[in-house]
């Protein structure tokens, strides 16, 4: 009985047309090292604003779901840029902060592409079989890793006794952005795993 149902559903899915995966992003290579030339809190602010404009330009001509996902990814990219730019302003912890920033930078592409894969799951397949468990578990693994790094980053910032209040405030803003993205994608994973579809219970 299960085999007959599976053949029937797959036949319907094939007739509905193929599901195309989103094209992978090209993030992960930029902002890999410390940003030179930032000497004070104002310089940090100016550097972040310039990067923010650059990232906005990159998604200006995108549309729909891809633009939304890339925009969220850009929020992480901007936080990475701020953290790397602050290396010489965070007395005693700069190298560690930059190392964590590079870890986050390396995760952006995978997190974006997995979210696009989840969002792009075909309506017929989703209706019958539910969410993309494989992509959801892979995204969850990414979030577990970046969550540990985020906890380290929060501790480091709290130890920066000689950092200026302005620099700390700017970095805290970016840490809040990283946390918000963790929470948002975590909710996406939970929703995807909870989506079993009409027949998902037969095969999961």
Protein backbone atom coordinates (compact mmCIF):
# COMPACT_ATOMS: atom_id res chain seq x y z
CA UNK A 1 0.00 0.00 0.00
CA UNK A 2 2.78 2.41 0.91
CA UNK A 3 4.59 1.62 -2.34
CA UNK A 4 1.46 2.32 -4.40
CA UNK A 5 0.91 5.64 -2.64
CA UNK A 6 4.53 6.62 -3.18
CA UNK A 7 4.35 5.85 -6.93
CA UNK A 8 1.11 7.80 -7.25
CA UNK A 9 2.40 10.86 -5.43
CA UNK A 10 5.69 10.90 -7.33
CA UNK A 11 3.78 10.72 -10.58
CA UNK A 12 1.71 13.75 -9.60
CA UNK A 13 4.85 15.64 -8.54
CA UNK A 14 6.53 14.93 -11.90
CA UNK A 15 3.49 16.11 -13.81
CA UNK A 16 3.51 19.33 -11.78
CA UNK A 17 6.96 20.15 -13.13
CA UNK A 18 10.47 20.11 -11.70
CA UNK A 19 11.48 21.98 -8.60
CA UNK A 20 14.49 24.15 -9.24
CA UNK A 21 17.00 24.81 -6.50
CA UNK A 22 18.09 28.38 -5.99
CA UNK A 23 21.43 29.32 -7.45
CA UNK A 24 24.13 29.34 -4.77
CA UNK A 25 25.39 32.66 -3.52
CA UNK A 26 28.98 33.78 -3.89
CA UNK A 27 29.44 35.00 -0.33
CA UNK A 28 32.17 33.93 2.02
CA UNK A 29 35.22 35.32 0.28
CA UNK A 30 34.86 38.97 1.22
CA UNK A 31 35.70 40.46 4.60
CA UNK A 32 38.03 37.55 5.34
CA UNK A 33 40.65 39.69 7.05
CA UNK A 34 40.86 42.65 9.35
CA UNK A 35 39.78 46.00 7.87
CA UNK A 36 42.66 48.45 7.99
CA UNK A 37 42.41 52.20 8.40
CA UNK A 38 39.78 52.27 11.18
CA UNK A 39 41.27 54.26 14.05
CA UNK A 40 38.33 55.30 16.23
CA UNK A 41 34.61 54.93 16.83
CA UNK A 42 33.72 57.43 14.12
CA UNK A 43 35.88 55.59 11.63
CA UNK A 44 34.13 52.36 12.56
CA UNK A 45 30.74 53.96 12.02
CA UNK A 46 31.78 55.37 8.65
CA UNK A 47 33.19 52.02 7.53
CA UNK A 48 29.99 50.22 8.48
CA UNK A 49 27.82 52.77 6.66
CA UNK A 50 29.90 52.44 3.49
CA UNK A 51 29.66 48.64 3.65
CA UNK A 52 25.93 48.83 4.27
CA UNK A 53 25.47 50.87 1.10
CA UNK A 54 27.58 48.41 -0.89
CA UNK A 55 25.51 45.46 0.32
CA UNK A 56 22.27 47.29 -0.44
CA UNK A 57 23.46 47.89 -4.00
CA UNK A 58 24.17 44.17 -4.42
CA UNK A 59 20.54 43.17 -3.82
CA UNK A 60 18.89 46.20 -5.41
CA UNK A 61 17.91 44.38 -8.60
CA UNK A 62 16.92 41.10 -6.94
CA UNK A 63 13.27 40.24 -6.43
CA UNK A 64 11.05 38.00 -4.35
CA UNK A 65 12.24 35.41 -1.90
CA UNK A 66 15.84 35.46 -3.04
CA UNK A 67 16.12 39.18 -2.28
CA UNK A 68 14.68 38.63 1.19
CA UNK A 69 17.11 35.81 2.01
CA UNK A 70 20.12 37.65 0.60
CA UNK A 71 19.15 40.77 2.55
CA UNK A 72 19.16 38.77 5.77
CA UNK A 73 22.53 37.32 4.78
CA UNK A 74 23.81 40.83 4.18
CA UNK A 75 22.90 41.74 7.75
CA UNK A 76 25.34 39.04 8.90
CA UNK A 77 27.92 40.28 6.38
CA UNK A 78 27.62 43.78 7.78
CA UNK A 79 28.10 42.50 11.33
CA UNK A 80 31.19 40.59 10.17
CA UNK A 81 32.55 43.74 8.58
CA UNK A 82 32.01 45.73 11.77
CA UNK A 83 33.72 43.10 13.91
CA UNK A 84 36.73 42.89 11.59
CA UNK A 85 36.93 46.67 11.36
CA UNK A 86 37.07 46.92 15.14
CA UNK A 87 40.15 44.73 15.59
CA UNK A 88 42.44 47.62 16.51
CA UNK A 89 39.76 49.24 18.69
CA UNK A 90 39.03 46.29 20.98
CA UNK A 91 41.99 46.27 23.33
CA UNK A 92 43.26 42.78 24.07
CA UNK A 93 40.40 40.90 22.39
CA UNK A 94 40.66 42.13 18.80
CA UNK A 95 42.32 39.01 17.37
CA UNK A 96 39.77 36.72 19.00
CA UNK A 97 36.88 38.87 17.82
CA UNK A 98 38.24 38.79 14.26
CA UNK A 99 38.60 35.00 14.38
CA UNK A 100 34.94 34.64 15.36
CA UNK A 101 33.95 37.10 12.64
CA UNK A 102 35.74 34.98 10.05
CA UNK A 103 33.87 31.91 11.30
CA UNK A 104 30.57 33.72 10.81
CA UNK A 105 31.70 34.90 7.39
CA UNK A 106 32.37 31.31 6.37
CA UNK A 107 28.83 30.28 7.33
CA UNK A 108 26.87 32.93 5.43
CA UNK A 109 26.78 31.20 2.04
CA UNK A 110 25.69 27.84 3.46
CA UNK A 111 22.99 29.41 5.62
CA UNK A 112 21.59 31.43 2.75
CA UNK A 113 21.59 28.52 0.33
CA UNK A 114 19.91 26.18 2.82
CA UNK A 115 17.21 28.75 3.54
CA UNK A 116 16.62 29.20 -0.19
CA UNK A 117 16.39 25.41 -0.57
CA UNK A 118 13.80 25.21 2.21
CA UNK A 119 11.77 28.11 0.84
CA UNK A 120 11.94 26.69 -2.68
CA UNK A 121 10.51 23.28 -1.84
CA UNK A 122 7.76 22.62 -4.39
CA UNK A 123 4.13 23.00 -3.36
CA UNK A 124 3.10 19.50 -4.47
CA UNK A 125 6.04 17.81 -2.76
CA UNK A 126 5.53 19.88 0.40
CA UNK A 127 1.79 19.19 0.46
CA UNK A 128 2.29 15.43 0.36
CA UNK A 129 5.65 14.90 2.07
CA UNK A 130 6.08 18.00 4.23
CA UNK A 131 9.23 19.99 4.82
CA UNK A 132 12.80 19.38 3.69
CA UNK A 133 14.15 17.58 6.75
CA UNK A 134 17.66 17.19 5.34
CA UNK A 135 18.07 20.91 4.65
CA UNK A 136 16.51 21.79 8.01
CA UNK A 137 18.93 19.54 9.92
CA UNK A 138 21.89 20.95 7.98
CA UNK A 139 20.81 24.50 8.77
CA UNK A 140 20.34 23.54 12.42
CA UNK A 141 23.91 22.23 12.51
CA UNK A 142 25.14 25.53 11.10
CA UNK A 143 23.18 27.43 13.74
CA UNK A 144 24.57 25.29 16.55
CA UNK A 145 28.10 26.17 15.47
CA UNK A 146 27.47 29.89 15.02
CA UNK A 147 25.49 29.93 18.27
CA UNK A 148 28.56 28.76 20.17
CA UNK A 149 30.67 31.43 18.46
CA UNK A 150 28.09 34.07 19.28
CA UNK A 151 28.20 33.11 22.96
CA UNK A 152 32.01 33.48 22.87
CA UNK A 153 31.66 36.87 21.22
CA UNK A 154 29.30 38.13 23.90
CA UNK A 155 31.74 37.05 26.62
CA UNK A 156 34.66 38.73 24.85
CA UNK A 157 32.86 42.03 24.49
CA UNK A 158 32.03 41.94 28.18
CA UNK A 159 35.75 41.56 28.94
CA UNK A 160 36.80 44.61 26.93
CA UNK A 161 37.36 46.90 29.88
CA UNK A 162 39.41 49.44 27.92
CA UNK A 163 37.12 49.65 24.89
CA UNK A 164 35.41 52.98 24.34
CA UNK A 165 31.69 53.12 25.11
CA UNK A 166 30.94 54.11 21.51
CA UNK A 167 32.79 51.13 20.08
CA UNK A 168 31.11 48.73 22.52
CA UNK A 169 27.70 50.16 21.63
CA UNK A 170 28.32 49.71 17.90
CA UNK A 171 29.51 46.14 18.34
CA UNK A 172 26.61 45.31 20.62
CA UNK A 173 24.26 46.46 17.88
CA UNK A 174 25.89 44.02 15.47
CA UNK A 175 25.81 41.21 18.04
CA UNK A 176 22.07 41.83 18.41
CA UNK A 177 21.74 41.46 14.63
CA UNK A 178 23.60 38.14 14.71
CA UNK A 179 21.35 36.92 17.52
CA UNK A 180 18.23 38.00 15.65
CA UNK A 181 19.34 36.03 12.59
CA UNK A 182 20.06 32.99 14.77
CA UNK A 183 16.55 33.21 16.23
CA UNK A 184 14.86 33.80 12.87
CA UNK A 185 16.50 30.84 11.14
CA UNK A 186 16.01 28.68 14.22
CA UNK A 187 12.27 29.30 13.96
CA UNK A 188 12.42 28.43 10.26
CA UNK A 189 14.07 25.09 11.09
CA UNK A 190 11.44 24.25 13.71
CA UNK A 191 8.62 25.10 11.31
CA UNK A 192 10.18 23.01 8.54
CA UNK A 193 10.65 19.96 10.76
CA UNK A 194 7.08 20.25 12.03
CA UNK A 195 5.67 20.23 8.48
CA UNK A 196 4.90 16.54 7.79
CA UNK A 197 2.49 16.93 4.88
CA UNK A 198 -0.45 14.65 4.08
CA UNK A 199 1.65 11.52 3.71
CA UNK A 200 4.86 12.43 5.47
CA UNK A 201 4.00 10.31 8.47
CA UNK A 202 4.24 7.23 6.24
CA UNK A 203 7.84 7.86 5.25
CA UNK A 204 9.38 9.73 8.19
